[in-house]
Amino acid sequence: MIATAWRRKPKACALDIVEFRQPELDAYLVGRSIAEQLEKRSLFVVTMKQAVQKTMRANAKGIRVTLVEG
């Protein structure tokens, strides 16, 4: 099974890698971080406070966190 998998023709693939100098300023990454911590059963209030503190320390103008269940 493994031998037959290697005989297939490789497909073209393109990767676009972007480095974030300050990931605390990217809304998507902050949101994913909060979601992952909550999925690990972290305390809600502690998670929110940490996210806000990290973002504000990165010189953000502000942050608003909204919880959407679902």
PDB file of N, CA and C in Angstrom:
ATOM      1  N   MET A   1       0.822  -1.190   0.000  1.00  0.00           N
ATOM      2  CA  MET A   1       0.000   0.000   0.000  1.00  0.00           C
ATOM      3  C   MET A   1       0.868   1.256   0.000  1.00  0.00           C
ATOM      4  N   ILE A   2       1.911   1.259   0.810  1.00  0.00           N
ATOM      5  CA  ILE A   2       2.789   2.423   0.852  1.00  0.00           C
ATOM      6  C   ILE A   2       3.554   2.549  -0.457  1.00  0.00           C
ATOM      7  N   ALA A   3       3.978   1.435  -1.029  1.00  0.00           N
ATOM      8  CA  ALA A   3       4.750   1.459  -2.267  1.00  0.00           C
ATOM      9  C   ALA A   3       3.921   2.028  -3.421  1.00  0.00           C
ATOM     10  N   THR A   4       2.636   1.707  -3.472  1.00  0.00           N
ATOM     11  CA  THR A   4       1.800   2.217  -4.551  1.00  0.00           C
ATOM     12  C   THR A   4       1.519   3.711  -4.379  1.00  0.00           C
ATOM     13  N   ALA A   5       1.504   4.177  -3.178  1.00  0.00           N
ATOM     14  CA  ALA A   5       1.260   5.601  -2.951  1.00  0.00           C
ATOM     15  C   ALA A   5       2.408   6.438  -3.489  1.00  0.00           C
ATOM     16  N   TRP A   6       3.613   5.933  -3.440  1.00  0.00           N
ATOM     17  CA  TRP A   6       4.769   6.696  -3.915  1.00  0.00           C
ATOM     18  C   TRP A   6       4.854   6.716  -5.436  1.00  0.00           C
ATOM     19  N   ARG A   7       4.191   5.815  -6.091  1.00  0.00           N
ATOM     20  CA  ARG A   7       4.265   5.747  -7.556  1.00  0.00           C
ATOM     21  C   ARG A   7       3.357   6.763  -8.233  1.00  0.00           C
ATOM     22  N   ARG A   8       2.461   7.352  -7.520  1.00  0.00           N
ATOM     23  CA  ARG A   8       1.556   8.347  -8.101  1.00  0.00           C
ATOM     24  C   ARG A   8       2.338   9.596  -8.483  1.00  0.00           C
ATOM     25  N   LYS A   9       1.836  10.274  -9.491  1.00  0.00           N
ATOM     26  CA  LYS A   9       2.484  11.508  -9.910  1.00  0.00           C
ATOM     27  C   LYS A   9       2.220  12.597  -8.875  1.00  0.00           C
ATOM     28  N   PRO A  10       3.235  13.340  -8.511  1.00  0.00           N
ATOM     29  CA  PRO A  10       3.017  14.423  -7.539  1.00  0.00           C
ATOM     30  C   PRO A  10       2.197  15.549  -8.157  1.00  0.00           C
ATOM     31  N   LYS A  11       1.331  16.104  -7.373  1.00  0.00           N
ATOM     32  CA  LYS A  11       0.498  17.210  -7.830  1.00  0.00           C
ATOM     33  C   LYS A  11       1.179  18.528  -7.479  1.00  0.00           C
ATOM     34  N   ALA A  12       0.936  19.508  -8.288  1.00  0.00           N
ATOM     35  CA  ALA A  12       1.516  20.830  -8.038  1.00  0.00           C
ATOM     36  C   ALA A  12       0.864  21.433  -6.800  1.00  0.00           C
ATOM     37  N   CYS A  13       1.685  22.040  -5.998  1.00  0.00           N
ATOM     38  CA  CYS A  13       1.185  22.610  -4.751  1.00  0.00           C
ATOM     39  C   CYS A  13       1.879  23.944  -4.526  1.00  0.00           C
ATOM     40  N   ALA A  14       1.125  24.924  -4.068  1.00  0.00           N
ATOM     41  CA  ALA A  14       1.705  26.239  -3.781  1.00  0.00           C
ATOM     42  C   ALA A  14       1.383  26.614  -2.345  1.00  0.00           C
ATOM     43  N   LEU A  15       2.391  27.049  -1.627  1.00  0.00           N
ATOM     44  CA  LEU A  15       2.220  27.495  -0.248  1.00  0.00           C
ATOM     45  C   LEU A  15       2.576  28.963  -0.166  1.00  0.00           C
ATOM     46  N   ASP A  16       1.769  29.699   0.552  1.00  0.00           N
ATOM     47  CA  ASP A  16       2.055  31.105   0.779  1.00  0.00           C
ATOM     48  C   ASP A  16       2.149  31.310   2.279  1.00  0.00           C
ATOM     49  N   ILE A  17       3.363  31.478   2.784  1.00  0.00           N
ATOM     50  CA  ILE A  17       3.592  31.590   4.218  1.00  0.00           C
ATOM     51  C   ILE A  17       3.804  33.056   4.562  1.00  0.00           C
ATOM     52  N   VAL A  18       3.029  33.513   5.535  1.00  0.00           N
ATOM     53  CA  VAL A  18       3.113  34.902   5.965  1.00  0.00           C
ATOM     54  C   VAL A  18       3.485  34.934   7.438  1.00  0.00           C
ATOM     55  N   GLU A  19       4.503  35.701   7.764  1.00  0.00           N
ATOM     56  CA  GLU A  19       4.928  35.827   9.147  1.00  0.00           C
ATOM     57  C   GLU A  19       4.313  37.090   9.743  1.00  0.00           C
ATOM     58  N   PHE A  20       3.752  36.967  10.926  1.00  0.00           N
ATOM     59  CA  PHE A  20       3.203  38.120  11.631  1.00  0.00           C
ATOM     60  C   PHE A  20       4.226  38.580  12.651  1.00  0.00           C
ATOM     61  N   ARG A  21       4.628  39.819  12.549  1.00  0.00           N
ATOM     62  CA  ARG A  21       5.600  40.359  13.495  1.00  0.00           C
ATOM     63  C   ARG A  21       4.987  40.444  14.892  1.00  0.00           C
ATOM     64  N   GLN A  22       3.734  40.861  14.959  1.00  0.00           N
ATOM     65  CA  GLN A  22       3.022  40.944  16.239  1.00  0.00           C
ATOM     66  C   GLN A  22       1.679  40.227  16.100  1.00  0.00           C
ATOM     67  N   PRO A  23       1.645  38.941  16.400  1.00  0.00           N
ATOM     68  CA  PRO A  23       0.388  38.204  16.244  1.00  0.00           C
ATOM     69  C   PRO A  23      -0.710  38.682  17.189  1.00  0.00           C
ATOM     70  N   GLU A  24      -0.346  39.427  18.239  1.00  0.00           N
ATOM     71  CA  GLU A  24      -1.354  39.942  19.172  1.00  0.00           C
ATOM     72  C   GLU A  24      -2.211  41.026  18.526  1.00  0.00           C
ATOM     73  N   LEU A  25      -1.781  41.568  17.396  1.00  0.00           N
ATOM     74  CA  LEU A  25      -2.531  42.623  16.732  1.00  0.00           C
ATOM     75  C   LEU A  25      -3.413  42.094  15.609  1.00  0.00           C
ATOM     76  N   ASP A  26      -3.384  40.800  15.345  1.00  0.00           N
ATOM     77  CA  ASP A  26      -4.221  40.212  14.309  1.00  0.00           C
ATOM     78  C   ASP A  26      -5.477  39.629  14.954  1.00  0.00           C
ATOM     79  N   ALA A  27      -6.627  40.131  14.548  1.00  0.00           N
ATOM     80  CA  ALA A  27      -7.890  39.740  15.184  1.00  0.00           C
ATOM     81  C   ALA A  27      -8.164  38.243  15.058  1.00  0.00           C
ATOM     82  N   TYR A  28      -7.885  37.667  13.898  1.00  0.00           N
ATOM     83  CA  TYR A  28      -8.149  36.248  13.700  1.00  0.00           C
ATOM     84  C   TYR A  28      -7.307  35.394  14.641  1.00  0.00           C
ATOM     85  N   LEU A  29      -6.031  35.729  14.764  1.00  0.00           N
ATOM     86  CA  LEU A  29      -5.144  34.936  15.625  1.00  0.00           C
ATOM     87  C   LEU A  29      -5.511  35.078  17.096  1.00  0.00           C
ATOM     88  N   VAL A  30      -5.914  36.264  17.502  1.00  0.00           N
ATOM     89  CA  VAL A  30      -6.353  36.459  18.889  1.00  0.00           C
ATOM     90  C   VAL A  30      -7.615  35.644  19.144  1.00  0.00           C
ATOM     91  N   GLY A  31      -8.541  35.676  18.198  1.00  0.00           N
ATOM     92  CA  GLY A  31      -9.779  34.902  18.335  1.00  0.00           C
ATOM     93  C   GLY A  31      -9.538  33.414  18.403  1.00  0.00           C
ATOM     94  N   ARG A  32      -8.644  32.905  17.539  1.00  0.00           N
ATOM     95  CA  ARG A  32      -8.315  31.481  17.568  1.00  0.00           C
ATOM     96  C   ARG A  32      -7.665  31.092  18.881  1.00  0.00           C
ATOM     97  N   SER A  33      -6.809  31.969  19.391  1.00  0.00           N
ATOM     98  CA  SER A  33      -6.143  31.702  20.663  1.00  0.00           C
ATOM     99  C   SER A  33      -7.163  31.590  21.795  1.00  0.00           C
ATOM    100  N   ILE A  34      -8.108  32.519  21.815  1.00  0.00           N
ATOM    101  CA  ILE A  34      -9.159  32.481  22.841  1.00  0.00           C
ATOM    102  C   ILE A  34      -9.985  31.209  22.695  1.00  0.00           C
ATOM    103  N   ALA A  35     -10.362  30.874  21.471  1.00  0.00           N
ATOM    104  CA  ALA A  35     -11.184  29.680  21.233  1.00  0.00           C
ATOM    105  C   ALA A  35     -10.463  28.410  21.673  1.00  0.00           C
ATOM    106  N   GLU A  36      -9.172  28.310  21.358  1.00  0.00           N
ATOM    107  CA  GLU A  36      -8.415  27.125  21.751  1.00  0.00           C
ATOM    108  C   GLU A  36      -8.314  26.998  23.261  1.00  0.00           C
ATOM    109  N   GLN A  37      -8.109  28.119  23.945  1.00  0.00           N
ATOM    110  CA  GLN A  37      -8.025  28.063  25.401  1.00  0.00           C
ATOM    111  C   GLN A  37      -9.356  27.661  26.016  1.00  0.00           C
ATOM    112  N   LEU A  38     -10.462  28.178  25.460  1.00  0.00           N
ATOM    113  CA  LEU A  38     -11.777  27.810  25.992  1.00  0.00           C
ATOM    114  C   LEU A  38     -12.103  26.343  25.697  1.00  0.00           C
ATOM    115  N   GLU A  39     -11.646  25.840  24.554  1.00  0.00           N
ATOM    116  CA  GLU A  39     -11.854  24.426  24.240  1.00  0.00           C
ATOM    117  C   GLU A  39     -11.093  23.533  25.208  1.00  0.00           C
ATOM    118  N   LYS A  40      -9.989  24.032  25.732  1.00  0.00           N
ATOM    119  CA  LYS A  40      -9.204  23.279  26.714  1.00  0.00           C
ATOM    120  C   LYS A  40      -9.761  23.455  28.127  1.00  0.00           C
ATOM    121  N   ARG A  41     -10.948  24.031  28.220  1.00  0.00           N
ATOM    122  CA  ARG A  41     -11.672  24.207  29.487  1.00  0.00           C
ATOM    123  C   ARG A  41     -10.991  25.218  30.409  1.00  0.00           C
ATOM    124  N   SER A  42     -10.378  26.233  29.830  1.00  0.00           N
ATOM    125  CA  SER A  42      -9.772  27.299  30.615  1.00  0.00           C
ATOM    126  C   SER A  42     -10.883  28.210  31.155  1.00  0.00           C
ATOM    127  N   LEU A  43     -10.589  28.925  32.216  1.00  0.00           N
ATOM    128  CA  LEU A  43     -11.583  29.834  32.790  1.00  0.00           C
ATOM    129  C   LEU A  43     -11.846  31.000  31.849  1.00  0.00           C
ATOM    130  N   PHE A  44     -13.123  31.320  31.644  1.00  0.00           N
ATOM    131  CA  PHE A  44     -13.524  32.343  30.688  1.00  0.00           C
ATOM    132  C   PHE A  44     -12.957  33.710  31.042  1.00  0.00           C
ATOM    133  N   VAL A  45     -13.125  34.127  32.287  1.00  0.00           N
ATOM    134  CA  VAL A  45     -12.696  35.464  32.698  1.00  0.00           C
ATOM    135  C   VAL A  45     -11.180  35.603  32.591  1.00  0.00           C
ATOM    136  N   VAL A  46     -10.456  34.593  33.000  1.00  0.00           N
ATOM    137  CA  VAL A  46      -8.995  34.628  32.940  1.00  0.00           C
ATOM    138  C   VAL A  46      -8.534  34.701  31.486  1.00  0.00           C
ATOM    139  N   THR A  47      -9.154  33.914  30.625  1.00  0.00           N
ATOM    140  CA  THR A  47      -8.801  33.904  29.213  1.00  0.00           C
ATOM    141  C   THR A  47      -9.035  35.266  28.580  1.00  0.00           C
ATOM    142  N   MET A  48     -10.171  35.892  28.873  1.00  0.00           N
ATOM    143  CA  MET A  48     -10.487  37.200  28.306  1.00  0.00           C
ATOM    144  C   MET A  48      -9.508  38.266  28.806  1.00  0.00           C
ATOM    145  N   LYS A  49      -9.221  38.256  30.092  1.00  0.00           N
ATOM    146  CA  LYS A  49      -8.300  39.249  30.645  1.00  0.00           C
ATOM    147  C   LYS A  49      -6.913  39.119  30.037  1.00  0.00           C
ATOM    148  N   GLN A  50      -6.441  37.886  29.879  1.00  0.00           N
ATOM    149  CA  GLN A  50      -5.122  37.672  29.287  1.00  0.00           C
ATOM    150  C   GLN A  50      -5.082  38.149  27.842  1.00  0.00           C
ATOM    151  N   ALA A  51      -6.123  37.862  27.087  1.00  0.00           N
ATOM    152  CA  ALA A  51      -6.161  38.277  25.681  1.00  0.00           C
ATOM    153  C   ALA A  51      -6.159  39.797  25.565  1.00  0.00           C
ATOM    154  N   VAL A  52      -6.949  40.454  26.399  1.00  0.00           N
ATOM    155  CA  VAL A  52      -7.012  41.917  26.372  1.00  0.00           C
ATOM    156  C   VAL A  52      -5.668  42.511  26.786  1.00  0.00           C
ATOM    157  N   GLN A  53      -5.049  41.978  27.817  1.00  0.00           N
ATOM    158  CA  GLN A  53      -3.764  42.504  28.282  1.00  0.00           C
ATOM    159  C   GLN A  53      -2.674  42.327  27.229  1.00  0.00           C
ATOM    160  N   LYS A  54      -2.605  41.156  26.603  1.00  0.00           N
ATOM    161  CA  LYS A  54      -1.589  40.921  25.571  1.00  0.00           C
ATOM    162  C   LYS A  54      -1.779  41.874  24.392  1.00  0.00           C
ATOM    163  N   THR A  55      -3.017  42.052  23.993  1.00  0.00           N
ATOM    164  CA  THR A  55      -3.292  42.913  22.846  1.00  0.00           C
ATOM    165  C   THR A  55      -2.990  44.367  23.160  1.00  0.00           C
ATOM    166  N   MET A  56      -3.353  44.819  24.343  1.00  0.00           N
ATOM    167  CA  MET A  56      -3.100  46.215  24.698  1.00  0.00           C
ATOM    168  C   MET A  56      -1.609  46.465  24.907  1.00  0.00           C
ATOM    169  N   ARG A  57      -0.872  45.469  25.404  1.00  0.00           N
ATOM    170  CA  ARG A  57       0.577  45.606  25.552  1.00  0.00           C
ATOM    171  C   ARG A  57       1.277  45.706  24.202  1.00  0.00           C
ATOM    172  N   ALA A  58       0.642  45.195  23.160  1.00  0.00           N
ATOM    173  CA  ALA A  58       1.203  45.256  21.811  1.00  0.00           C
ATOM    174  C   ALA A  58       0.863  46.579  21.133  1.00  0.00           C
ATOM    175  N   ASN A  59       0.408  47.547  21.899  1.00  0.00           N
ATOM    176  CA  ASN A  59       0.087  48.896  21.429  1.00  0.00           C
ATOM    177  C   ASN A  59      -1.124  48.949  20.497  1.00  0.00           C
ATOM    178  N   ALA A  60      -2.126  48.136  20.773  1.00  0.00           N
ATOM    179  CA  ALA A  60      -3.372  48.226  20.024  1.00  0.00           C
ATOM    180  C   ALA A  60      -4.179  49.411  20.540  1.00  0.00           C
ATOM    181  N   LYS A  61      -5.018  49.968  19.686  1.00  0.00           N
ATOM    182  CA  LYS A  61      -5.853  51.090  20.108  1.00  0.00           C
ATOM    183  C   LYS A  61      -6.977  50.621  21.024  1.00  0.00           C
ATOM    184  N   GLY A  62      -7.387  49.375  20.868  1.00  0.00           N
ATOM    185  CA  GLY A  62      -8.452  48.832  21.703  1.00  0.00           C
ATOM    186  C   GLY A  62      -8.778  47.418  21.249  1.00  0.00           C
ATOM    187  N   ILE A  63      -9.613  46.777  22.034  1.00  0.00           N
ATOM    188  CA  ILE A  63     -10.034  45.414  21.699  1.00  0.00           C
ATOM    189  C   ILE A  63     -11.449  45.206  22.235  1.00  0.00           C
ATOM    190  N   ARG A  64     -12.254  44.523  21.439  1.00  0.00           N
ATOM    191  CA  ARG A  64     -13.601  44.171  21.868  1.00  0.00           C
ATOM    192  C   ARG A  64     -13.755  42.672  21.620  1.00  0.00           C
ATOM    193  N   VAL A  65     -14.131  41.951  22.650  1.00  0.00           N
ATOM    194  CA  VAL A  65     -14.292  40.504  22.559  1.00  0.00           C
ATOM    195  C   VAL A  65     -15.768  40.201  22.760  1.00  0.00           C
ATOM    196  N   THR A  66     -16.347  39.497  21.786  1.00  0.00           N
ATOM    197  CA  THR A  66     -17.752  39.123  21.847  1.00  0.00           C
ATOM    198  C   THR A  66     -17.847  37.612  21.822  1.00  0.00           C
ATOM    199  N   LEU A  67     -18.587  37.037  22.726  1.00  0.00           N
ATOM    200  CA  LEU A  67     -18.764  35.593  22.766  1.00  0.00           C
ATOM    201  C   LEU A  67     -19.995  35.216  21.965  1.00  0.00           C
ATOM    202  N   VAL A  68     -19.801  34.327  20.993  1.00  0.00           N
ATOM    203  CA  VAL A  68     -20.898  33.833  20.172  1.00  0.00           C
ATOM    204  C   VAL A  68     -20.979  32.337  20.384  1.00  0.00           C
ATOM    205  N   GLU A  69     -22.087  31.867  20.917  1.00  0.00           N
ATOM    206  CA  GLU A  69     -22.235  30.435  21.176  1.00  0.00           C
ATOM    207  C   GLU A  69     -22.680  29.733  19.909  1.00  0.00           C
ATOM    208  N   GLY A  70     -22.198  28.514  19.779  1.00  0.00           N
ATOM    209  CA  GLY A  70     -22.671  27.769  18.624  1.00  0.00           C
ATOM    210  C   GLY A  70     -21.726  26.779  18.099  1.00  0.00           C
TER     211      GLY A  70
END
